Amino acid sequence: MAHSEWITIVGGTFTPIHNGHRTLLHKAFQTASHNGSGDGHVIVGLTSTSLATQTRSDPSHAKMIGPFEKRREDLDAELDRMANAYTATYEIIQLSDTHGPAATREDANALVVSPEAEAQRRAYELNQQRVDAGLQPLEVHTAPFVIAEDGTRISSTRIRDGEIDVHGRILE
């Protein structure tokens, strides 16, 4: 099947949007813009509130995630600023399960994930699922962790816990 453009998928809860997320999103745009023919397209899966609640390691954080529409607006504004630097287009879709369209879209080419073990495991499982369904596995591109001032990676959990800000600066 010939692809008219390179389709890259990335997903997450993206709240609050921090420098680690920006690195992940830039990696998705770079992957979509520089591979294949055409200008490329990024599908950003934004986790539904119910999925975000199910996948939190700390259930108390689920309440801090905020409504889907507000997260979608914030993400759209961020992507809008970012997209100007790339040829790829983007769309935001709602994710109601951990694999989303990456498991089933025949026209998808690549998946961008964080270096976290859980994200790597999900990418591996997702590709197994694709192969079992007779689809081509996705290229998996891993964005690097972004390190905060204290040498530990930036994460939404650390931001919600008041340890650091979205840029990784230590909060006193």
N, C-alpha and C. Protein backbone atom coordinates (compact mmCIF):
# COMPACT_ATOMS: atom_id res chain seq x y z
N MET A 1 0.84 -1.19 0.00
CA MET A 1 0.00 0.00 0.00
C MET A 1 0.89 1.25 0.00
N ALA A 2 0.75 2.10 -0.95
CA ALA A 2 1.58 3.30 -1.05
C ALA A 2 1.02 4.39 -0.15
N HIS A 3 1.89 5.05 0.54
CA HIS A 3 1.47 6.14 1.44
C HIS A 3 1.70 7.46 0.76
N SER A 4 0.71 8.34 0.83
CA SER A 4 0.90 9.66 0.24
C SER A 4 1.65 10.55 1.23
N GLU A 5 1.55 10.22 2.51
CA GLU A 5 2.29 10.99 3.51
C GLU A 5 2.65 10.07 4.66
N TRP A 6 3.65 10.49 5.41
CA TRP A 6 4.14 9.71 6.53
C TRP A 6 3.28 10.06 7.75
N ILE A 7 2.65 9.07 8.35
CA ILE A 7 1.78 9.31 9.50
C ILE A 7 2.46 8.82 10.77
N THR A 8 2.63 9.74 11.69
CA THR A 8 3.26 9.48 12.97
C THR A 8 2.23 9.67 14.07
N ILE A 9 2.22 8.74 15.02
CA ILE A 9 1.26 8.80 16.12
C ILE A 9 2.01 8.99 17.44
N VAL A 10 1.45 9.83 18.29
CA VAL A 10 1.98 10.05 19.63
C VAL A 10 0.76 10.20 20.55
N GLY A 11 0.90 9.78 21.78
CA GLY A 11 -0.25 9.89 22.68
C GLY A 11 0.16 10.23 24.09
N GLY A 12 -0.80 10.75 24.85
CA GLY A 12 -0.54 11.07 26.25
C GLY A 12 -1.68 11.86 26.85
N THR A 13 -1.50 12.18 28.12
CA THR A 13 -2.50 12.98 28.84
C THR A 13 -2.17 14.47 28.69
N PHE A 14 -0.88 14.77 28.56
CA PHE A 14 -0.40 16.13 28.28
C PHE A 14 -0.97 17.18 29.24
N THR A 15 -0.87 16.91 30.53
CA THR A 15 -1.31 17.91 31.49
C THR A 15 -0.52 17.81 32.78
N PRO A 16 0.05 18.90 33.24
CA PRO A 16 0.23 20.13 32.45
C PRO A 16 1.29 19.89 31.37
N ILE A 17 1.19 20.65 30.26
CA ILE A 17 2.17 20.50 29.18
C ILE A 17 3.51 21.06 29.68
N HIS A 18 4.53 20.19 29.63
CA HIS A 18 5.86 20.59 30.13
C HIS A 18 6.92 20.34 29.05
N ASN A 19 8.17 20.67 29.37
CA ASN A 19 9.23 20.56 28.37
C ASN A 19 9.45 19.13 27.89
N GLY A 20 9.17 18.14 28.72
CA GLY A 20 9.25 16.74 28.29
C GLY A 20 8.23 16.45 27.21
N HIS A 21 7.00 16.96 27.39
CA HIS A 21 5.96 16.79 26.37
C HIS A 21 6.37 17.50 25.08
N ARG A 22 6.93 18.70 25.22
CA ARG A 22 7.34 19.45 24.02
C ARG A 22 8.38 18.66 23.23
N THR A 23 9.29 18.01 23.92
CA THR A 23 10.31 17.20 23.25
C THR A 23 9.66 16.03 22.52
N LEU A 24 8.69 15.39 23.14
CA LEU A 24 7.96 14.27 22.54
C LEU A 24 7.21 14.74 21.29
N LEU A 25 6.55 15.89 21.39
CA LEU A 25 5.78 16.42 20.26
C LEU A 25 6.69 16.87 19.12
N HIS A 26 7.81 17.51 19.46
CA HIS A 26 8.78 17.90 18.41
C HIS A 26 9.29 16.66 17.68
N LYS A 27 9.58 15.60 18.43
CA LYS A 27 10.06 14.35 17.84
C LYS A 27 9.00 13.80 16.86
N ALA A 28 7.73 13.89 17.23
CA ALA A 28 6.65 13.41 16.36
C ALA A 28 6.60 14.24 15.07
N PHE A 29 6.71 15.56 15.20
CA PHE A 29 6.70 16.43 14.00
C PHE A 29 7.93 16.16 13.13
N GLN A 30 9.09 16.00 13.76
CA GLN A 30 10.31 15.73 13.00
C GLN A 30 10.19 14.41 12.24
N THR A 31 9.67 13.40 12.90
CA THR A 31 9.51 12.08 12.29
C THR A 31 8.55 12.15 11.11
N ALA A 32 7.43 12.84 11.30
CA ALA A 32 6.44 12.95 10.23
C ALA A 32 6.95 13.82 9.08
N SER A 33 7.70 14.86 9.38
CA SER A 33 8.14 15.81 8.37
C SER A 33 9.30 15.31 7.53
N HIS A 34 10.12 14.42 8.07
CA HIS A 34 11.36 14.06 7.37
C HIS A 34 11.37 12.65 6.81
N ASN A 35 10.29 11.90 6.98
CA ASN A 35 10.25 10.54 6.44
C ASN A 35 9.18 10.45 5.38
N GLY A 36 9.39 9.60 4.39
CA GLY A 36 8.37 9.37 3.38
C GLY A 36 8.19 10.55 2.45
N SER A 37 7.17 10.45 1.61
CA SER A 37 6.89 11.55 0.68
C SER A 37 5.77 12.40 1.24
N GLY A 38 5.54 13.54 0.66
CA GLY A 38 4.49 14.42 1.18
C GLY A 38 4.99 15.17 2.41
N ASP A 39 4.10 15.91 3.02
CA ASP A 39 4.48 16.75 4.14
C ASP A 39 4.39 16.06 5.49
N GLY A 40 3.73 14.93 5.56
CA GLY A 40 3.61 14.20 6.82
C GLY A 40 2.44 14.69 7.65
N HIS A 41 2.03 13.83 8.57
CA HIS A 41 0.87 14.12 9.41
C HIS A 41 1.10 13.50 10.78
N VAL A 42 0.80 14.26 11.82
CA VAL A 42 0.94 13.78 13.19
C VAL A 42 -0.45 13.60 13.78
N ILE A 43 -0.70 12.41 14.30
CA ILE A 43 -1.95 12.16 15.03
C ILE A 43 -1.58 12.17 16.51
N VAL A 44 -2.15 13.11 17.24
CA VAL A 44 -1.88 13.21 18.67
C VAL A 44 -3.09 12.65 19.41
N GLY A 45 -2.88 11.52 20.07
CA GLY A 45 -3.94 10.92 20.87
C GLY A 45 -3.92 11.53 22.26
N LEU A 46 -5.02 12.16 22.63
CA LEU A 46 -5.14 12.77 23.96
C LEU A 46 -6.03 11.86 24.80
N THR A 47 -5.49 11.37 25.91
CA THR A 47 -6.25 10.40 26.70
C THR A 47 -7.55 11.00 27.22
N SER A 48 -8.61 10.19 27.10
CA SER A 48 -9.91 10.59 27.66
C SER A 48 -9.75 10.68 29.18
N THR A 49 -10.64 11.38 29.82
CA THR A 49 -10.56 11.54 31.27
C THR A 49 -10.66 10.17 31.96
N SER A 50 -11.54 9.29 31.46
CA SER A 50 -11.67 7.98 32.11
C SER A 50 -10.41 7.14 31.95
N LEU A 51 -9.78 7.17 30.76
CA LEU A 51 -8.53 6.43 30.56
C LEU A 51 -7.41 7.03 31.41
N ALA A 52 -7.35 8.36 31.48
CA ALA A 52 -6.33 9.03 32.28
C ALA A 52 -6.47 8.62 33.75
N THR A 53 -7.70 8.49 34.21
CA THR A 53 -7.95 8.09 35.59
C THR A 53 -7.48 6.65 35.82
N GLN A 54 -7.77 5.77 34.86
CA GLN A 54 -7.37 4.35 34.98
C GLN A 54 -5.87 4.17 34.95
N THR A 55 -5.16 5.00 34.20
CA THR A 55 -3.72 4.79 34.00
C THR A 55 -2.83 5.56 34.97
N ARG A 56 -3.41 6.32 35.90
CA ARG A 56 -2.58 7.04 36.88
C ARG A 56 -2.02 6.05 37.90
N SER A 57 -0.74 6.21 38.24
CA SER A 57 -0.17 5.37 39.29
C SER A 57 -0.67 5.86 40.65
N ASP A 58 -0.94 7.15 40.76
CA ASP A 58 -1.48 7.71 41.99
C ASP A 58 -2.90 8.20 41.71
N PRO A 59 -3.92 7.48 42.21
CA PRO A 59 -5.31 7.84 41.92
C PRO A 59 -5.68 9.27 42.32
N SER A 60 -4.99 9.84 43.31
CA SER A 60 -5.32 11.21 43.72
C SER A 60 -4.97 12.21 42.61
N HIS A 61 -4.05 11.84 41.72
CA HIS A 61 -3.69 12.74 40.62
C HIS A 61 -4.78 12.82 39.56
N ALA A 62 -5.63 11.80 39.51
CA ALA A 62 -6.68 11.77 38.49
C ALA A 62 -7.55 13.03 38.57
N LYS A 63 -7.83 13.48 39.79
CA LYS A 63 -8.67 14.66 39.98
C LYS A 63 -7.98 15.94 39.49
N MET A 64 -6.65 15.90 39.41
CA MET A 64 -5.89 17.10 39.01
C MET A 64 -5.72 17.21 37.49
N ILE A 65 -6.14 16.19 36.77
CA ILE A 65 -5.91 16.16 35.32
C ILE A 65 -6.73 17.21 34.58
N GLY A 66 -7.95 17.42 35.02
CA GLY A 66 -8.80 18.43 34.40
C GLY A 66 -9.65 17.85 33.27
N PRO A 67 -10.67 18.60 32.85
CA PRO A 67 -11.58 18.12 31.83
C PRO A 67 -10.91 17.98 30.45
N PHE A 68 -11.39 17.01 29.68
CA PHE A 68 -10.82 16.72 28.36
C PHE A 68 -10.79 17.95 27.47
N GLU A 69 -11.90 18.69 27.38
CA GLU A 69 -11.96 19.84 26.47
C GLU A 69 -10.91 20.90 26.80
N LYS A 70 -10.68 21.15 28.08
CA LYS A 70 -9.67 22.13 28.49
C LYS A 70 -8.27 21.63 28.11
N ARG A 71 -8.01 20.34 28.35
CA ARG A 71 -6.71 19.76 27.98
C ARG A 71 -6.53 19.81 26.47
N ARG A 72 -7.61 19.56 25.73
CA ARG A 72 -7.55 19.60 24.27
C ARG A 72 -7.22 21.02 23.78
N GLU A 73 -7.85 22.03 24.37
CA GLU A 73 -7.58 23.43 23.98
C GLU A 73 -6.12 23.79 24.24
N ASP A 74 -5.61 23.41 25.43
CA ASP A 74 -4.22 23.72 25.78
C ASP A 74 -3.26 23.02 24.81
N LEU A 75 -3.55 21.75 24.51
CA LEU A 75 -2.70 20.98 23.60
C LEU A 75 -2.75 21.57 22.19
N ASP A 76 -3.93 21.95 21.75
CA ASP A 76 -4.10 22.52 20.41
C ASP A 76 -3.30 23.83 20.30
N ALA A 77 -3.34 24.65 21.33
CA ALA A 77 -2.58 25.91 21.32
C ALA A 77 -1.08 25.63 21.25
N GLU A 78 -0.63 24.64 22.01
CA GLU A 78 0.79 24.26 22.01
C GLU A 78 1.20 23.74 20.63
N LEU A 79 0.39 22.86 20.05
CA LEU A 79 0.70 22.28 18.75
C LEU A 79 0.67 23.34 17.65
N ASP A 80 -0.24 24.29 17.79
CA ASP A 80 -0.34 25.36 16.82
C ASP A 80 0.95 26.17 16.76
N ARG A 81 1.50 26.49 17.94
CA ARG A 81 2.77 27.24 18.00
C ARG A 81 3.90 26.42 17.39
N MET A 82 3.92 25.13 17.71
CA MET A 82 4.99 24.24 17.30
C MET A 82 4.95 23.93 15.80
N ALA A 83 3.76 23.72 15.27
CA ALA A 83 3.57 23.24 13.90
C ALA A 83 4.16 24.19 12.86
N ASN A 84 4.27 25.47 13.19
CA ASN A 84 4.81 26.44 12.24
C ASN A 84 6.23 26.10 11.80
N ALA A 85 6.96 25.38 12.63
CA ALA A 85 8.35 25.04 12.33
C ALA A 85 8.47 23.80 11.43
N TYR A 86 7.35 23.14 11.14
CA TYR A 86 7.39 21.87 10.41
C TYR A 86 6.45 21.88 9.21
N THR A 87 6.69 20.95 8.28
CA THR A 87 5.80 20.82 7.13
C THR A 87 4.59 19.94 7.46
N ALA A 88 4.71 19.10 8.47
CA ALA A 88 3.64 18.16 8.81
C ALA A 88 2.41 18.87 9.37
N THR A 89 1.25 18.30 9.09
CA THR A 89 0.00 18.76 9.68
C THR A 89 -0.26 17.92 10.93
N TYR A 90 -1.28 18.27 11.70
CA TYR A 90 -1.60 17.48 12.88
C TYR A 90 -3.10 17.46 13.12
N GLU A 91 -3.51 16.47 13.89
CA GLU A 91 -4.88 16.41 14.39
C GLU A 91 -4.83 15.82 15.79
N ILE A 92 -5.80 16.18 16.61
CA ILE A 92 -5.90 15.64 17.96
C ILE A 92 -7.12 14.73 17.98
N ILE A 93 -6.93 13.53 18.47
CA ILE A 93 -8.06 12.61 18.61
C ILE A 93 -8.15 12.18 20.08
N GLN A 94 -9.31 11.73 20.49
CA GLN A 94 -9.48 11.27 21.87
C GLN A 94 -9.11 9.80 21.96
N LEU A 95 -8.27 9.46 22.94
CA LEU A 95 -7.87 8.08 23.18
C LEU A 95 -8.74 7.50 24.28
N SER A 96 -9.42 6.39 23.99
CA SER A 96 -10.22 5.75 25.03
C SER A 96 -9.61 4.43 25.48
N ASP A 97 -8.50 4.01 24.81
CA ASP A 97 -7.75 2.83 25.26
C ASP A 97 -6.27 3.11 25.03
N THR A 98 -5.41 2.30 25.66
CA THR A 98 -3.97 2.61 25.65
C THR A 98 -3.31 2.43 24.28
N HIS A 99 -3.94 1.71 23.35
CA HIS A 99 -3.31 1.53 22.04
C HIS A 99 -3.83 2.49 20.98
N GLY A 100 -5.08 2.90 21.09
CA GLY A 100 -5.63 3.88 20.16
C GLY A 100 -5.49 3.47 18.70
N PRO A 101 -5.43 4.46 17.79
CA PRO A 101 -5.39 4.18 16.36
C PRO A 101 -4.08 3.50 15.92
N ALA A 102 -3.06 3.59 16.74
CA ALA A 102 -1.77 2.99 16.37
C ALA A 102 -1.90 1.48 16.20
N ALA A 103 -2.86 0.87 16.87
CA ALA A 103 -3.03 -0.58 16.79
C ALA A 103 -3.72 -1.01 15.51
N THR A 104 -4.51 -0.13 14.90
CA THR A 104 -5.38 -0.56 13.82
C THR A 104 -5.24 0.20 12.50
N ARG A 105 -4.65 1.39 12.52
CA ARG A 105 -4.58 2.18 11.28
C ARG A 105 -3.54 1.61 10.33
N GLU A 106 -4.00 1.16 9.17
CA GLU A 106 -3.10 0.60 8.17
C GLU A 106 -2.12 1.63 7.64
N ASP A 107 -2.57 2.89 7.58
CA ASP A 107 -1.74 3.94 6.97
C ASP A 107 -0.74 4.57 7.95
N ALA A 108 -0.72 4.11 9.20
CA ALA A 108 0.23 4.66 10.18
C ALA A 108 1.61 4.08 9.92
N ASN A 109 2.64 4.91 10.13
CA ASN A 109 4.02 4.50 9.86
C ASN A 109 4.90 4.45 11.10
N ALA A 110 4.67 5.37 12.04
CA ALA A 110 5.59 5.49 13.16
C ALA A 110 4.85 5.85 14.44
N LEU A 111 5.48 5.47 15.55
CA LEU A 111 4.97 5.77 16.87
C LEU A 111 6.10 6.46 17.63
N VAL A 112 5.78 7.57 18.29
CA VAL A 112 6.78 8.26 19.10
C VAL A 112 6.41 8.05 20.56
N VAL A 113 7.38 7.57 21.34
CA VAL A 113 7.13 7.26 22.75
C VAL A 113 8.23 7.84 23.63
N SER A 114 7.94 7.89 24.92
CA SER A 114 8.95 8.32 25.89
C SER A 114 9.84 7.13 26.22
N PRO A 115 10.98 7.39 26.85
CA PRO A 115 11.89 6.30 27.19
C PRO A 115 11.42 5.46 28.39
N GLU A 116 10.31 5.84 29.02
CA GLU A 116 9.83 5.08 30.17
C GLU A 116 9.60 3.63 29.80
N ALA A 117 9.92 2.73 30.71
CA ALA A 117 9.76 1.30 30.47
C ALA A 117 8.33 0.97 30.07
N GLU A 118 7.37 1.56 30.73
CA GLU A 118 5.95 1.30 30.44
C GLU A 118 5.61 1.69 29.00
N ALA A 119 6.08 2.84 28.56
CA ALA A 119 5.81 3.29 27.18
C ALA A 119 6.49 2.37 26.17
N GLN A 120 7.70 1.93 26.49
CA GLN A 120 8.43 1.01 25.60
C GLN A 120 7.70 -0.33 25.52
N ARG A 121 7.22 -0.82 26.65
CA ARG A 121 6.49 -2.09 26.69
C ARG A 121 5.20 -2.00 25.87
N ARG A 122 4.47 -0.88 26.05
CA ARG A 122 3.23 -0.70 25.29
C ARG A 122 3.49 -0.66 23.79
N ALA A 123 4.58 -0.01 23.38
CA ALA A 123 4.91 0.08 21.96
C ALA A 123 5.20 -1.32 21.40
N TYR A 124 5.92 -2.12 22.18
CA TYR A 124 6.24 -3.48 21.76
C TYR A 124 4.95 -4.30 21.62
N GLU A 125 4.07 -4.22 22.63
CA GLU A 125 2.80 -4.95 22.60
C GLU A 125 1.94 -4.50 21.43
N LEU A 126 1.93 -3.20 21.20
CA LEU A 126 1.14 -2.65 20.11
C LEU A 126 1.62 -3.20 18.76
N ASN A 127 2.93 -3.26 18.57
CA ASN A 127 3.46 -3.81 17.32
C ASN A 127 3.14 -5.30 17.20
N GLN A 128 3.15 -6.04 18.31
CA GLN A 128 2.76 -7.46 18.29
C GLN A 128 1.32 -7.57 17.81
N GLN A 129 0.47 -6.70 18.35
CA GLN A 129 -0.95 -6.69 17.99
C GLN A 129 -1.12 -6.39 16.50
N ARG A 130 -0.35 -5.44 15.99
CA ARG A 130 -0.41 -5.09 14.56
C ARG A 130 0.00 -6.29 13.70
N VAL A 131 1.12 -6.92 14.05
CA VAL A 131 1.61 -8.06 13.28
C VAL A 131 0.58 -9.19 13.32
N ASP A 132 0.01 -9.46 14.49
CA ASP A 132 -1.01 -10.51 14.63
C ASP A 132 -2.22 -10.22 13.75
N ALA A 133 -2.50 -8.93 13.53
CA ALA A 133 -3.65 -8.52 12.71
C ALA A 133 -3.29 -8.41 11.22
N GLY A 134 -2.03 -8.75 10.89
CA GLY A 134 -1.61 -8.70 9.49
C GLY A 134 -1.17 -7.32 9.03
N LEU A 135 -0.90 -6.41 9.97
CA LEU A 135 -0.44 -5.05 9.63
C LEU A 135 1.07 -4.97 9.79
N GLN A 136 1.66 -3.99 9.11
CA GLN A 136 3.09 -3.73 9.27
C GLN A 136 3.34 -3.16 10.66
N PRO A 137 4.45 -3.56 11.32
CA PRO A 137 4.76 -2.92 12.60
C PRO A 137 5.14 -1.46 12.37
N LEU A 138 4.93 -0.64 13.37
CA LEU A 138 5.28 0.78 13.28
C LEU A 138 6.76 0.94 13.64
N GLU A 139 7.40 1.93 13.01
CA GLU A 139 8.73 2.33 13.47
C GLU A 139 8.52 2.98 14.82
N VAL A 140 9.33 2.61 15.80
CA VAL A 140 9.19 3.22 17.13
C VAL A 140 10.35 4.20 17.32
N HIS A 141 9.99 5.45 17.54
CA HIS A 141 10.98 6.50 17.78
C HIS A 141 10.85 6.93 19.24
N THR A 142 11.96 6.97 19.95
CA THR A 142 11.95 7.32 21.36
C THR A 142 12.51 8.72 21.55
N ALA A 143 11.70 9.59 22.13
CA ALA A 143 12.16 10.94 22.46
C ALA A 143 12.97 10.83 23.76
N PRO A 144 13.99 11.67 23.93
CA PRO A 144 14.78 11.60 25.16
C PRO A 144 14.01 12.17 26.36
N PHE A 145 14.40 11.73 27.55
CA PHE A 145 13.89 12.37 28.76
C PHE A 145 14.42 13.80 28.79
N VAL A 146 13.68 14.71 29.38
CA VAL A 146 14.16 16.06 29.61
C VAL A 146 14.42 16.17 31.10
N ILE A 147 15.59 16.63 31.42
CA ILE A 147 16.05 16.64 32.80
C ILE A 147 15.81 18.01 33.46
N ALA A 148 15.32 17.97 34.68
CA ALA A 148 15.07 19.19 35.46
C ALA A 148 16.39 19.68 36.06
N GLU A 149 16.32 20.85 36.67
CA GLU A 149 17.51 21.46 37.32
C GLU A 149 18.20 20.52 38.30
N ASP A 150 17.42 19.66 38.96
CA ASP A 150 18.00 18.78 39.99
C ASP A 150 18.57 17.48 39.41
N GLY A 151 18.58 17.36 38.06
CA GLY A 151 19.16 16.18 37.44
C GLY A 151 18.19 15.01 37.30
N THR A 152 16.96 15.18 37.75
CA THR A 152 15.93 14.14 37.64
C THR A 152 14.98 14.57 36.53
N ARG A 153 14.38 13.59 35.86
CA ARG A 153 13.55 13.94 34.70
C ARG A 153 12.31 14.74 35.08
N ILE A 154 11.88 15.57 34.13
CA ILE A 154 10.65 16.33 34.28
C ILE A 154 9.48 15.36 34.09
N SER A 155 8.49 15.45 34.97
CA SER A 155 7.28 14.65 34.80
C SER A 155 6.09 15.45 35.31
N SER A 156 4.92 15.12 34.78
CA SER A 156 3.69 15.78 35.23
C SER A 156 3.47 15.54 36.72
N THR A 157 3.81 14.35 37.19
CA THR A 157 3.63 14.02 38.60
C THR A 157 4.45 14.97 39.48
N ARG A 158 5.71 15.19 39.10
CA ARG A 158 6.58 16.08 39.88
C ARG A 158 6.03 17.51 39.86
N ILE A 159 5.46 17.92 38.72
CA ILE A 159 4.88 19.26 38.62
C ILE A 159 3.65 19.35 39.51
N ARG A 160 2.76 18.34 39.41
CA ARG A 160 1.55 18.34 40.26
C ARG A 160 1.90 18.29 41.74
N ASP A 161 3.00 17.60 42.07
CA ASP A 161 3.43 17.51 43.47
C ASP A 161 4.12 18.79 43.95
N GLY A 162 4.31 19.77 43.04
CA GLY A 162 4.91 21.04 43.43
C GLY A 162 6.43 21.02 43.57
N GLU A 163 7.09 19.98 43.05
CA GLU A 163 8.55 19.91 43.13
C GLU A 163 9.23 20.84 42.13
N ILE A 164 8.67 20.87 40.89
CA ILE A 164 9.28 21.62 39.79
C ILE A 164 8.18 22.32 39.00
N ASP A 165 8.61 23.29 38.15
CA ASP A 165 7.65 23.91 37.24
C ASP A 165 7.72 23.21 35.88
N VAL A 166 6.94 23.67 34.91
CA VAL A 166 6.88 23.00 33.60
C VAL A 166 8.19 23.07 32.81
N HIS A 167 9.10 23.92 33.25
CA HIS A 167 10.41 24.03 32.59
C HIS A 167 11.50 23.26 33.35
N GLY A 168 11.11 22.61 34.45
CA GLY A 168 12.07 21.83 35.20
C GLY A 168 12.82 22.60 36.26
N ARG A 169 12.35 23.83 36.53
CA ARG A 169 12.99 24.62 37.60
C ARG A 169 12.48 24.15 38.96
N ILE A 170 13.39 24.06 39.92
CA ILE A 170 13.05 23.63 41.27
C ILE A 170 12.19 24.70 41.94
N LEU A 171 11.10 24.28 42.55
CA LEU A 171 10.23 25.20 43.30
C LEU A 171 10.57 25.09 44.78
N GLU A 172 10.83 26.22 45.37
CA GLU A 172 11.21 26.21 46.80
C GLU A 172 9.97 26.15 47.66
